N, C-alpha and C. Protein backbone atom coordinates (compact mmCIF):
# COMPACT_ATOMS: atom_id res chain seq x y z
N MET A 1 9.28 59.98 -44.49
CA MET A 1 9.16 59.71 -46.40
C MET A 1 8.59 58.42 -46.74
N ARG A 2 9.06 57.28 -45.63
CA ARG A 2 8.76 55.63 -45.80
C ARG A 2 7.73 55.48 -45.59
N ARG A 3 6.72 56.08 -44.67
CA ARG A 3 5.24 55.90 -44.67
C ARG A 3 4.61 56.24 -46.05
N ARG A 4 4.88 57.64 -46.73
CA ARG A 4 4.63 58.06 -47.95
C ARG A 4 4.70 57.01 -48.80
N ALA A 5 6.28 56.34 -48.94
CA ALA A 5 6.89 54.73 -50.20
C ALA A 5 5.56 54.28 -49.71
N LEU A 6 5.33 53.14 -48.81
CA LEU A 6 4.58 52.40 -48.20
C LEU A 6 3.49 52.65 -48.51
N LEU A 7 2.83 53.55 -48.70
CA LEU A 7 1.49 54.16 -49.15
C LEU A 7 1.17 53.42 -50.87
N LEU A 8 2.30 54.29 -51.28
CA LEU A 8 2.16 55.01 -52.68
C LEU A 8 2.54 52.71 -52.93
N ALA A 9 3.02 52.32 -52.71
CA ALA A 9 3.65 51.09 -53.37
C ALA A 9 2.43 50.12 -52.82
N THR A 10 1.11 50.44 -51.87
CA THR A 10 0.36 49.67 -51.79
C THR A 10 -0.75 50.29 -52.42
N LEU A 11 -0.79 51.59 -53.03
CA LEU A 11 -2.28 52.10 -53.90
C LEU A 11 -1.43 51.90 -55.31
N LEU A 12 -0.63 51.81 -56.12
CA LEU A 12 -0.49 52.01 -57.91
C LEU A 12 -0.57 50.74 -58.05
N PRO A 13 -0.06 48.90 -57.40
CA PRO A 13 -1.44 48.12 -57.99
C PRO A 13 -2.51 48.18 -57.88
N MET A 14 -3.29 48.57 -56.88
CA MET A 14 -4.96 48.77 -57.51
C MET A 14 -5.01 49.81 -58.22
N ALA A 15 -4.59 51.13 -57.99
CA ALA A 15 -4.68 52.00 -59.49
C ALA A 15 -4.56 51.30 -60.12
N ALA A 16 -3.40 50.69 -60.85
CA ALA A 16 -3.37 50.42 -61.87
C ALA A 16 -4.73 49.02 -62.48
N ALA A 17 -4.55 48.52 -62.11
CA ALA A 17 -5.81 47.04 -62.04
C ALA A 17 -8.06 47.81 -61.64
N ALA A 18 -7.68 49.05 -60.62
CA ALA A 18 -8.71 49.33 -60.14
C ALA A 18 -10.06 49.08 -61.67
N GLN A 19 -10.92 48.06 -61.25
CA GLN A 19 -12.18 48.45 -62.30
C GLN A 19 -12.26 47.90 -63.72
N PRO A 20 -11.19 46.67 -63.88
CA PRO A 20 -10.98 46.14 -65.10
C PRO A 20 -12.59 45.83 -65.65
N GLY A 21 -12.35 46.23 -66.63
CA GLY A 21 -14.35 45.84 -67.48
C GLY A 21 -14.88 47.04 -67.60
N VAL A 22 -14.39 47.73 -66.03
CA VAL A 22 -15.18 49.02 -66.23
C VAL A 22 -15.55 50.10 -67.69
N THR A 23 -16.34 50.35 -68.37
CA THR A 23 -16.40 50.81 -69.74
C THR A 23 -17.01 51.63 -69.59
N GLU A 24 -18.23 52.63 -68.13
CA GLU A 24 -19.21 53.60 -68.98
C GLU A 24 -19.38 54.12 -67.32
N PRO A 25 -19.70 55.07 -67.29
CA PRO A 25 -19.76 55.74 -65.87
C PRO A 25 -21.02 54.93 -64.55
N GLN A 26 -20.41 54.65 -64.27
CA GLN A 26 -21.84 54.56 -62.88
C GLN A 26 -23.03 54.87 -62.91
N PRO A 27 -24.34 54.55 -62.89
CA PRO A 27 -25.72 54.99 -62.42
C PRO A 27 -25.16 57.02 -61.27
N ARG A 28 -26.06 57.40 -61.80
CA ARG A 28 -26.21 58.80 -60.59
C ARG A 28 -26.31 58.38 -59.22
N LEU A 29 -25.31 58.41 -58.57
CA LEU A 29 -25.46 58.04 -57.09
C LEU A 29 -26.84 58.94 -56.09
N PRO A 30 -27.11 58.08 -54.86
CA PRO A 30 -27.51 59.38 -54.24
C PRO A 30 -27.30 60.58 -53.74
N THR A 31 -28.37 61.50 -53.56
CA THR A 31 -28.06 63.26 -54.07
C THR A 31 -28.23 63.39 -52.35
N GLU A 32 -27.24 64.49 -51.44
CA GLU A 32 -27.54 65.45 -50.23
C GLU A 32 -27.17 66.84 -50.80
N ALA A 33 -27.69 67.74 -49.90
CA ALA A 33 -26.76 68.65 -49.85
C ALA A 33 -26.15 69.07 -48.54
N LEU A 34 -24.79 69.55 -49.54
CA LEU A 34 -23.34 70.13 -48.46
C LEU A 34 -23.24 71.45 -48.82
N VAL A 35 -23.33 72.55 -48.08
CA VAL A 35 -22.72 73.72 -47.94
C VAL A 35 -21.20 73.73 -47.33
N ILE A 36 -20.54 74.59 -47.93
CA ILE A 36 -18.86 75.57 -47.82
C ILE A 36 -19.19 76.86 -47.23
N VAL A 37 -18.71 76.92 -46.11
CA VAL A 37 -18.44 78.24 -45.23
C VAL A 37 -17.65 78.52 -45.17
N THR A 38 -17.74 79.99 -46.28
CA THR A 38 -16.00 80.55 -46.09
C THR A 38 -15.45 80.97 -44.90
N ARG A 39 -14.56 81.25 -44.68
CA ARG A 39 -13.75 82.12 -43.47
C ARG A 39 -14.62 84.06 -43.57
N ASP A 40 -15.23 84.39 -44.53
CA ASP A 40 -15.96 85.25 -44.51
C ASP A 40 -17.57 85.08 -44.78
N ASP A 41 -17.86 84.00 -43.92
CA ASP A 41 -19.10 83.57 -44.00
C ASP A 41 -20.33 83.27 -44.80
N ARG A 42 -19.58 82.90 -46.48
CA ARG A 42 -20.39 83.01 -47.56
C ARG A 42 -20.50 81.62 -47.56
N ARG A 43 -21.98 81.23 -47.59
CA ARG A 43 -22.57 80.08 -47.81
C ARG A 43 -22.52 79.06 -49.51
N LEU A 44 -21.61 78.49 -49.89
CA LEU A 44 -22.08 78.11 -51.01
C LEU A 44 -22.52 76.74 -51.72
N GLU A 45 -23.53 76.69 -51.43
CA GLU A 45 -24.25 74.73 -51.48
C GLU A 45 -24.06 74.55 -52.86
N PHE A 46 -23.41 73.06 -52.23
CA PHE A 46 -23.72 71.97 -53.86
C PHE A 46 -24.60 70.54 -53.30
N THR A 47 -24.78 70.41 -54.56
CA THR A 47 -25.44 68.92 -54.06
C THR A 47 -24.64 68.10 -55.26
N VAL A 48 -24.69 67.20 -53.23
CA VAL A 48 -23.30 66.26 -54.17
C VAL A 48 -23.75 64.58 -54.07
N GLU A 49 -23.43 63.85 -55.22
CA GLU A 49 -23.57 62.13 -55.48
C GLU A 49 -23.52 62.08 -53.66
N MET A 50 -23.59 61.04 -53.07
CA MET A 50 -22.41 59.85 -51.98
C MET A 50 -22.59 58.84 -52.45
N ALA A 51 -21.07 58.96 -52.45
CA ALA A 51 -20.35 57.38 -53.26
C ALA A 51 -19.33 56.58 -51.68
N LEU A 52 -20.49 55.51 -50.82
CA LEU A 52 -20.11 54.74 -50.21
C LEU A 52 -19.36 53.46 -49.60
N ALA A 53 -19.81 53.29 -50.68
CA ALA A 53 -19.96 51.96 -51.03
C ALA A 53 -18.19 51.73 -51.50
N PRO A 54 -17.59 50.79 -51.19
CA PRO A 54 -16.22 50.84 -52.00
C PRO A 54 -16.72 50.81 -53.25
N GLU A 55 -17.12 49.53 -54.24
CA GLU A 55 -17.29 49.81 -55.66
C GLU A 55 -17.87 50.72 -56.07
N GLN A 56 -18.52 51.50 -55.46
CA GLN A 56 -18.97 53.20 -55.89
C GLN A 56 -17.49 53.63 -55.87
N GLN A 57 -16.90 54.10 -54.60
CA GLN A 57 -15.78 55.22 -54.41
C GLN A 57 -14.70 54.80 -55.66
N THR A 58 -14.61 53.01 -55.80
CA THR A 58 -13.87 53.34 -56.63
C THR A 58 -13.81 53.67 -58.43
N ILE A 59 -14.95 53.08 -58.32
CA ILE A 59 -15.33 54.29 -59.80
C ILE A 59 -15.95 55.50 -59.72
N GLY A 60 -16.54 55.78 -58.66
CA GLY A 60 -16.32 57.01 -58.71
C GLY A 60 -16.80 58.33 -59.44
N LEU A 61 -16.40 58.97 -60.16
CA LEU A 61 -16.57 59.76 -61.84
C LEU A 61 -15.77 59.13 -62.85
N MET A 62 -15.62 58.12 -62.95
CA MET A 62 -14.87 57.84 -64.36
C MET A 62 -16.47 57.69 -64.91
N PHE A 63 -15.04 58.52 -66.31
CA PHE A 63 -16.12 58.46 -67.87
C PHE A 63 -17.14 59.28 -67.71
N ARG A 64 -17.37 60.38 -67.09
CA ARG A 64 -18.42 61.86 -66.72
C ARG A 64 -17.24 62.65 -67.44
N PRO A 65 -18.53 63.16 -68.57
CA PRO A 65 -18.04 63.74 -69.64
C PRO A 65 -17.33 65.43 -68.87
N GLU A 66 -18.48 65.41 -67.35
CA GLU A 66 -18.07 67.37 -67.20
C GLU A 66 -18.90 66.94 -65.76
N VAL A 67 -18.41 67.44 -64.81
CA VAL A 67 -19.27 67.69 -63.35
C VAL A 67 -20.22 68.90 -63.84
N LYS A 68 -20.75 69.62 -62.86
CA LYS A 68 -21.81 71.24 -63.52
C LYS A 68 -21.09 71.41 -62.07
N PRO A 69 -21.27 72.80 -62.12
CA PRO A 69 -21.16 73.96 -61.21
C PRO A 69 -21.15 73.80 -59.45
N ASP A 70 -22.26 73.35 -59.67
CA ASP A 70 -22.86 73.39 -58.06
C ASP A 70 -23.35 71.94 -57.83
N GLU A 71 -22.34 70.90 -57.97
CA GLU A 71 -22.80 69.53 -58.05
C GLU A 71 -20.83 68.69 -57.49
N GLY A 72 -20.80 67.65 -57.11
CA GLY A 72 -19.72 66.92 -56.99
C GLY A 72 -20.33 65.76 -56.27
N MET A 73 -18.76 64.93 -56.39
CA MET A 73 -19.31 63.95 -55.43
C MET A 73 -18.41 63.98 -53.92
N LEU A 74 -18.93 63.48 -52.45
CA LEU A 74 -18.57 63.03 -51.72
C LEU A 74 -17.95 61.70 -51.35
N PHE A 75 -17.19 61.17 -51.14
CA PHE A 75 -16.48 60.07 -50.93
C PHE A 75 -16.48 60.02 -49.43
N ASP A 76 -17.12 59.07 -48.37
CA ASP A 76 -17.07 58.93 -47.22
C ASP A 76 -16.86 58.55 -46.54
N TRP A 77 -15.05 57.73 -45.87
CA TRP A 77 -14.23 57.26 -46.00
C TRP A 77 -14.68 56.22 -44.56
N GLY A 78 -16.34 56.62 -43.68
CA GLY A 78 -16.18 55.84 -42.86
C GLY A 78 -15.07 56.75 -41.41
N GLN A 79 -14.46 56.80 -41.03
CA GLN A 79 -13.40 57.50 -39.81
C GLN A 79 -12.52 57.80 -40.86
N PRO A 80 -11.61 58.74 -39.67
CA PRO A 80 -10.82 59.56 -40.48
C PRO A 80 -9.25 58.47 -40.92
N ARG A 81 -8.63 58.73 -42.12
CA ARG A 81 -7.83 58.39 -42.40
C ARG A 81 -7.22 59.01 -43.50
N GLU A 82 -5.45 58.30 -44.60
CA GLU A 82 -5.14 58.66 -45.26
C GLU A 82 -5.81 58.87 -46.65
N SER A 83 -5.90 59.89 -47.15
CA SER A 83 -7.02 59.80 -48.14
C SER A 83 -5.94 59.43 -50.09
N ALA A 84 -5.84 58.76 -50.90
CA ALA A 84 -4.95 58.69 -52.06
C ALA A 84 -5.99 58.21 -53.48
N MET A 85 -6.40 59.63 -54.04
CA MET A 85 -7.63 59.75 -55.35
C MET A 85 -6.05 59.45 -56.59
N TRP A 86 -6.69 58.87 -57.47
CA TRP A 86 -6.06 58.76 -58.86
C TRP A 86 -7.41 59.91 -59.70
N MET A 87 -7.15 59.59 -60.98
CA MET A 87 -7.84 60.00 -61.84
C MET A 87 -7.59 58.94 -63.41
N ARG A 88 -8.03 58.07 -62.78
CA ARG A 88 -8.21 56.84 -63.97
C ARG A 88 -9.09 56.83 -64.41
N ASN A 89 -9.26 56.83 -65.67
CA ASN A 89 -10.67 57.00 -66.61
C ASN A 89 -11.48 57.58 -66.20
N THR A 90 -11.06 58.67 -65.66
CA THR A 90 -11.78 60.42 -65.17
C THR A 90 -11.43 61.39 -66.19
N LEU A 91 -12.40 61.76 -67.44
CA LEU A 91 -12.42 62.28 -68.10
C LEU A 91 -12.24 64.59 -68.04
N ALA A 92 -12.40 64.47 -66.99
CA ALA A 92 -12.09 65.50 -66.83
C ALA A 92 -12.46 66.22 -65.34
N SER A 93 -11.29 67.22 -65.50
CA SER A 93 -10.38 67.37 -64.07
C SER A 93 -11.03 68.00 -63.26
N LEU A 94 -11.02 68.00 -62.38
CA LEU A 94 -11.23 67.60 -60.65
C LEU A 94 -10.99 69.01 -59.61
N ASP A 95 -11.33 69.11 -58.98
CA ASP A 95 -10.93 69.60 -57.91
C ASP A 95 -10.70 68.60 -56.46
N MET A 96 -10.14 68.04 -56.05
CA MET A 96 -10.34 67.77 -54.77
C MET A 96 -10.03 68.20 -53.17
N VAL A 97 -11.24 67.96 -52.81
CA VAL A 97 -11.43 68.35 -51.33
C VAL A 97 -11.25 67.49 -50.50
N PHE A 98 -10.41 67.63 -49.44
CA PHE A 98 -9.73 66.27 -48.08
C PHE A 98 -10.83 67.35 -47.15
N ILE A 99 -11.32 66.87 -46.37
CA ILE A 99 -12.03 66.95 -45.92
C ILE A 99 -11.47 65.95 -43.52
N ALA A 100 -11.40 66.97 -42.95
CA ALA A 100 -11.24 66.59 -41.67
C ALA A 100 -13.01 66.08 -40.94
N ALA A 101 -12.46 64.78 -39.95
CA ALA A 101 -13.70 65.01 -39.66
C ALA A 101 -14.46 65.78 -38.47
N ASP A 102 -14.50 67.06 -38.09
CA ASP A 102 -15.12 68.35 -37.72
C ASP A 102 -15.33 68.92 -38.74
N GLY A 103 -14.99 68.43 -40.31
CA GLY A 103 -16.01 69.31 -41.56
C GLY A 103 -14.56 70.57 -41.75
N ARG A 104 -13.92 70.23 -41.24
CA ARG A 104 -12.98 71.68 -41.77
C ARG A 104 -11.71 70.91 -43.03
N ILE A 105 -11.43 71.93 -43.69
CA ILE A 105 -10.94 72.05 -44.97
C ILE A 105 -9.75 71.47 -44.38
N HIS A 106 -8.95 70.52 -45.03
CA HIS A 106 -7.94 69.93 -44.35
C HIS A 106 -6.41 70.19 -46.07
N ARG A 107 -7.38 69.99 -47.10
CA ARG A 107 -6.19 70.42 -48.11
C ARG A 107 -7.00 70.61 -49.60
N ILE A 108 -6.74 70.88 -50.49
CA ILE A 108 -7.25 71.04 -51.74
C ILE A 108 -6.34 71.10 -52.66
N ALA A 109 -6.88 69.93 -53.63
CA ALA A 109 -5.40 69.44 -55.11
C ALA A 109 -6.80 70.08 -56.06
N GLU A 110 -5.64 71.45 -56.07
CA GLU A 110 -7.00 71.98 -57.97
C GLU A 110 -6.18 71.42 -58.93
N ARG A 111 -7.77 71.24 -60.16
CA ARG A 111 -7.21 71.04 -61.08
C ARG A 111 -6.02 70.01 -61.57
N THR A 112 -7.18 68.76 -61.14
CA THR A 112 -5.62 67.68 -60.81
C THR A 112 -6.17 66.67 -62.76
N VAL A 113 -5.33 65.76 -63.09
CA VAL A 113 -5.18 65.97 -64.56
C VAL A 113 -5.87 64.84 -64.90
N PRO A 114 -6.91 64.17 -66.35
CA PRO A 114 -7.54 63.65 -66.18
C PRO A 114 -6.82 62.14 -66.68
N ARG A 115 -7.00 61.14 -66.68
CA ARG A 115 -6.73 60.11 -66.44
C ARG A 115 -5.79 59.54 -66.14
N SER A 116 -5.32 60.76 -65.54
CA SER A 116 -3.89 60.04 -64.98
C SER A 116 -3.74 58.75 -63.59
N LEU A 117 -2.72 58.57 -63.35
CA LEU A 117 -2.33 57.18 -62.64
C LEU A 117 -1.72 57.68 -61.02
N ALA A 118 -1.04 59.14 -61.65
CA ALA A 118 -0.70 59.71 -60.22
C ALA A 118 -1.07 60.26 -58.99
N THR A 119 -0.93 59.65 -58.09
CA THR A 119 -1.92 59.63 -56.94
C THR A 119 -2.41 61.08 -56.23
N VAL A 120 -3.33 61.65 -55.57
CA VAL A 120 -3.26 62.85 -54.85
C VAL A 120 -3.63 62.51 -53.63
N GLU A 121 -2.57 62.44 -52.42
CA GLU A 121 -3.25 62.91 -50.95
C GLU A 121 -3.53 63.56 -50.58
N SER A 122 -3.80 63.17 -49.78
CA SER A 122 -4.96 64.10 -48.93
C SER A 122 -3.86 64.75 -47.81
N ARG A 123 -2.62 64.00 -47.05
CA ARG A 123 -1.25 64.80 -46.52
C ARG A 123 -1.80 64.33 -45.41
N GLY A 124 -2.49 63.91 -44.68
CA GLY A 124 -3.18 64.01 -43.17
C GLY A 124 -4.41 63.34 -43.05
N PRO A 125 -4.91 62.40 -42.06
CA PRO A 125 -6.03 61.83 -42.00
C PRO A 125 -7.38 62.87 -42.08
N VAL A 126 -8.33 62.35 -43.16
CA VAL A 126 -9.38 62.73 -43.31
C VAL A 126 -10.36 61.86 -43.61
N ARG A 127 -11.10 62.97 -43.00
CA ARG A 127 -13.38 61.25 -43.09
C ARG A 127 -13.35 62.13 -44.22
N ALA A 128 -13.36 62.35 -44.90
CA ALA A 128 -14.52 62.46 -46.71
C ALA A 128 -13.25 63.39 -47.76
N THR A 129 -13.60 63.27 -49.14
CA THR A 129 -13.10 63.33 -49.64
C THR A 129 -13.67 64.22 -50.67
N LEU A 130 -14.12 65.22 -51.40
CA LEU A 130 -15.08 66.28 -52.17
C LEU A 130 -14.89 66.04 -53.45
N GLU A 131 -15.48 65.74 -54.02
CA GLU A 131 -14.70 65.81 -55.68
C GLU A 131 -15.37 66.90 -56.57
N LEU A 132 -15.04 68.04 -57.35
CA LEU A 132 -15.46 69.23 -57.73
C LEU A 132 -15.30 69.53 -59.03
N ALA A 133 -15.96 70.00 -59.76
CA ALA A 133 -15.87 70.96 -61.31
C ALA A 133 -14.33 71.54 -61.15
N ALA A 134 -13.02 71.08 -61.26
CA ALA A 134 -11.55 71.48 -61.82
C ALA A 134 -11.81 72.96 -61.59
N GLY A 135 -11.70 73.62 -61.06
CA GLY A 135 -11.54 75.81 -61.25
C GLY A 135 -12.45 75.86 -59.79
N THR A 136 -13.41 74.98 -59.26
CA THR A 136 -14.65 75.84 -58.36
C THR A 136 -13.77 76.61 -56.84
N ALA A 137 -12.46 75.78 -56.32
CA ALA A 137 -12.20 76.40 -55.85
C ALA A 137 -11.45 77.26 -55.46
N GLU A 138 -10.95 77.50 -57.41
CA GLU A 138 -10.19 79.37 -57.28
C GLU A 138 -11.43 79.97 -57.34
N ARG A 139 -12.78 79.83 -58.88
CA ARG A 139 -13.94 80.76 -58.58
C ARG A 139 -14.61 80.96 -57.75
N LEU A 140 -14.88 80.14 -56.15
CA LEU A 140 -15.57 80.40 -55.35
C LEU A 140 -14.33 80.80 -54.02
N ASN A 141 -13.01 80.84 -54.45
CA ASN A 141 -12.55 81.41 -53.76
C ASN A 141 -12.83 80.22 -52.21
N ILE A 142 -12.94 79.10 -52.89
CA ILE A 142 -12.55 77.95 -51.72
C ILE A 142 -10.99 77.53 -50.83
N ARG A 143 -11.33 78.01 -49.82
CA ARG A 143 -9.16 77.48 -49.32
C ARG A 143 -9.71 76.17 -48.21
N VAL A 144 -8.33 76.13 -47.96
CA VAL A 144 -8.02 75.39 -46.85
C VAL A 144 -8.60 76.24 -45.31
N GLY A 145 -9.15 75.64 -44.16
CA GLY A 145 -9.69 76.03 -42.80
C GLY A 145 -11.00 76.19 -43.08
N ASP A 146 -12.19 76.59 -43.97
CA ASP A 146 -13.17 77.03 -44.50
C ASP A 146 -13.50 75.65 -44.21
N ARG A 147 -15.34 75.43 -43.85
CA ARG A 147 -15.76 74.54 -43.16
C ARG A 147 -17.44 74.20 -44.33
N VAL A 148 -17.19 72.61 -43.86
CA VAL A 148 -17.70 72.35 -44.83
C VAL A 148 -19.08 71.32 -43.95
N ARG A 149 -20.47 71.43 -43.98
CA ARG A 149 -21.50 71.33 -43.50
C ARG A 149 -22.49 70.23 -43.95
N HIS A 150 -22.48 69.01 -43.61
CA HIS A 150 -23.25 67.95 -44.04
C HIS A 150 -23.01 66.73 -42.68
N ARG A 151 -23.95 66.62 -42.87
CA ARG A 151 -24.70 65.48 -41.99
C ARG A 151 -23.02 64.80 -41.29
N LEU A 152 -22.57 63.98 -41.99
CA LEU A 152 -20.81 63.48 -41.66
C LEU A 152 -20.34 63.96 -40.87
N PHE A 153 -20.64 65.48 -40.98
CA PHE A 153 -19.01 66.39 -39.63
C PHE A 153 -20.21 66.47 -38.95
N GLY A 154 -21.61 66.62 -38.54
CA GLY A 154 -22.42 66.06 -37.18
C GLY A 154 -22.66 67.81 -37.45
N THR A 155 -23.23 67.94 -38.77
CA THR A 155 -23.39 69.09 -38.90
C THR A 155 -24.39 69.33 -40.31
N ALA A 156 -25.42 70.18 -40.49
CA ALA A 156 -26.56 69.92 -41.14
C ALA A 156 -26.75 71.52 -42.22
N PRO A 157 -26.50 71.35 -43.17
CA PRO A 157 -26.80 72.35 -44.44
C PRO A 157 -27.09 73.43 -43.93
């Protein structure tokens, strides 16, 4: 609990000051293919924008009115770490999929609240976070333990 409080104390001031002066979406980032393989071996294909640089990650999907059903944004943290996201200036509700270094889905936060400064945490170390349109996890029956195939995890889609 102390570690969580320390993490929140560190992140909340950054959230409140995140990208002052940014008032519009960032240009579309380079895209890559990503596949989620469900426990019943269904292959769910997505095209994801790659948020690699800290400034890209800080802006993320802010000010975008929607995320298409087969698209998303993948945040690469470079190495496993705790991930804490917020929805500041994000207009569309999202599903946040937290992915471990081996490509296994560690946690899913469904239907996050637009424009909220509340943190959405990975609750354990993850290599990446995938943001999808709200309701995607439920609609496609994506669950914790499903596998993500992408070069970040050493698996080609």
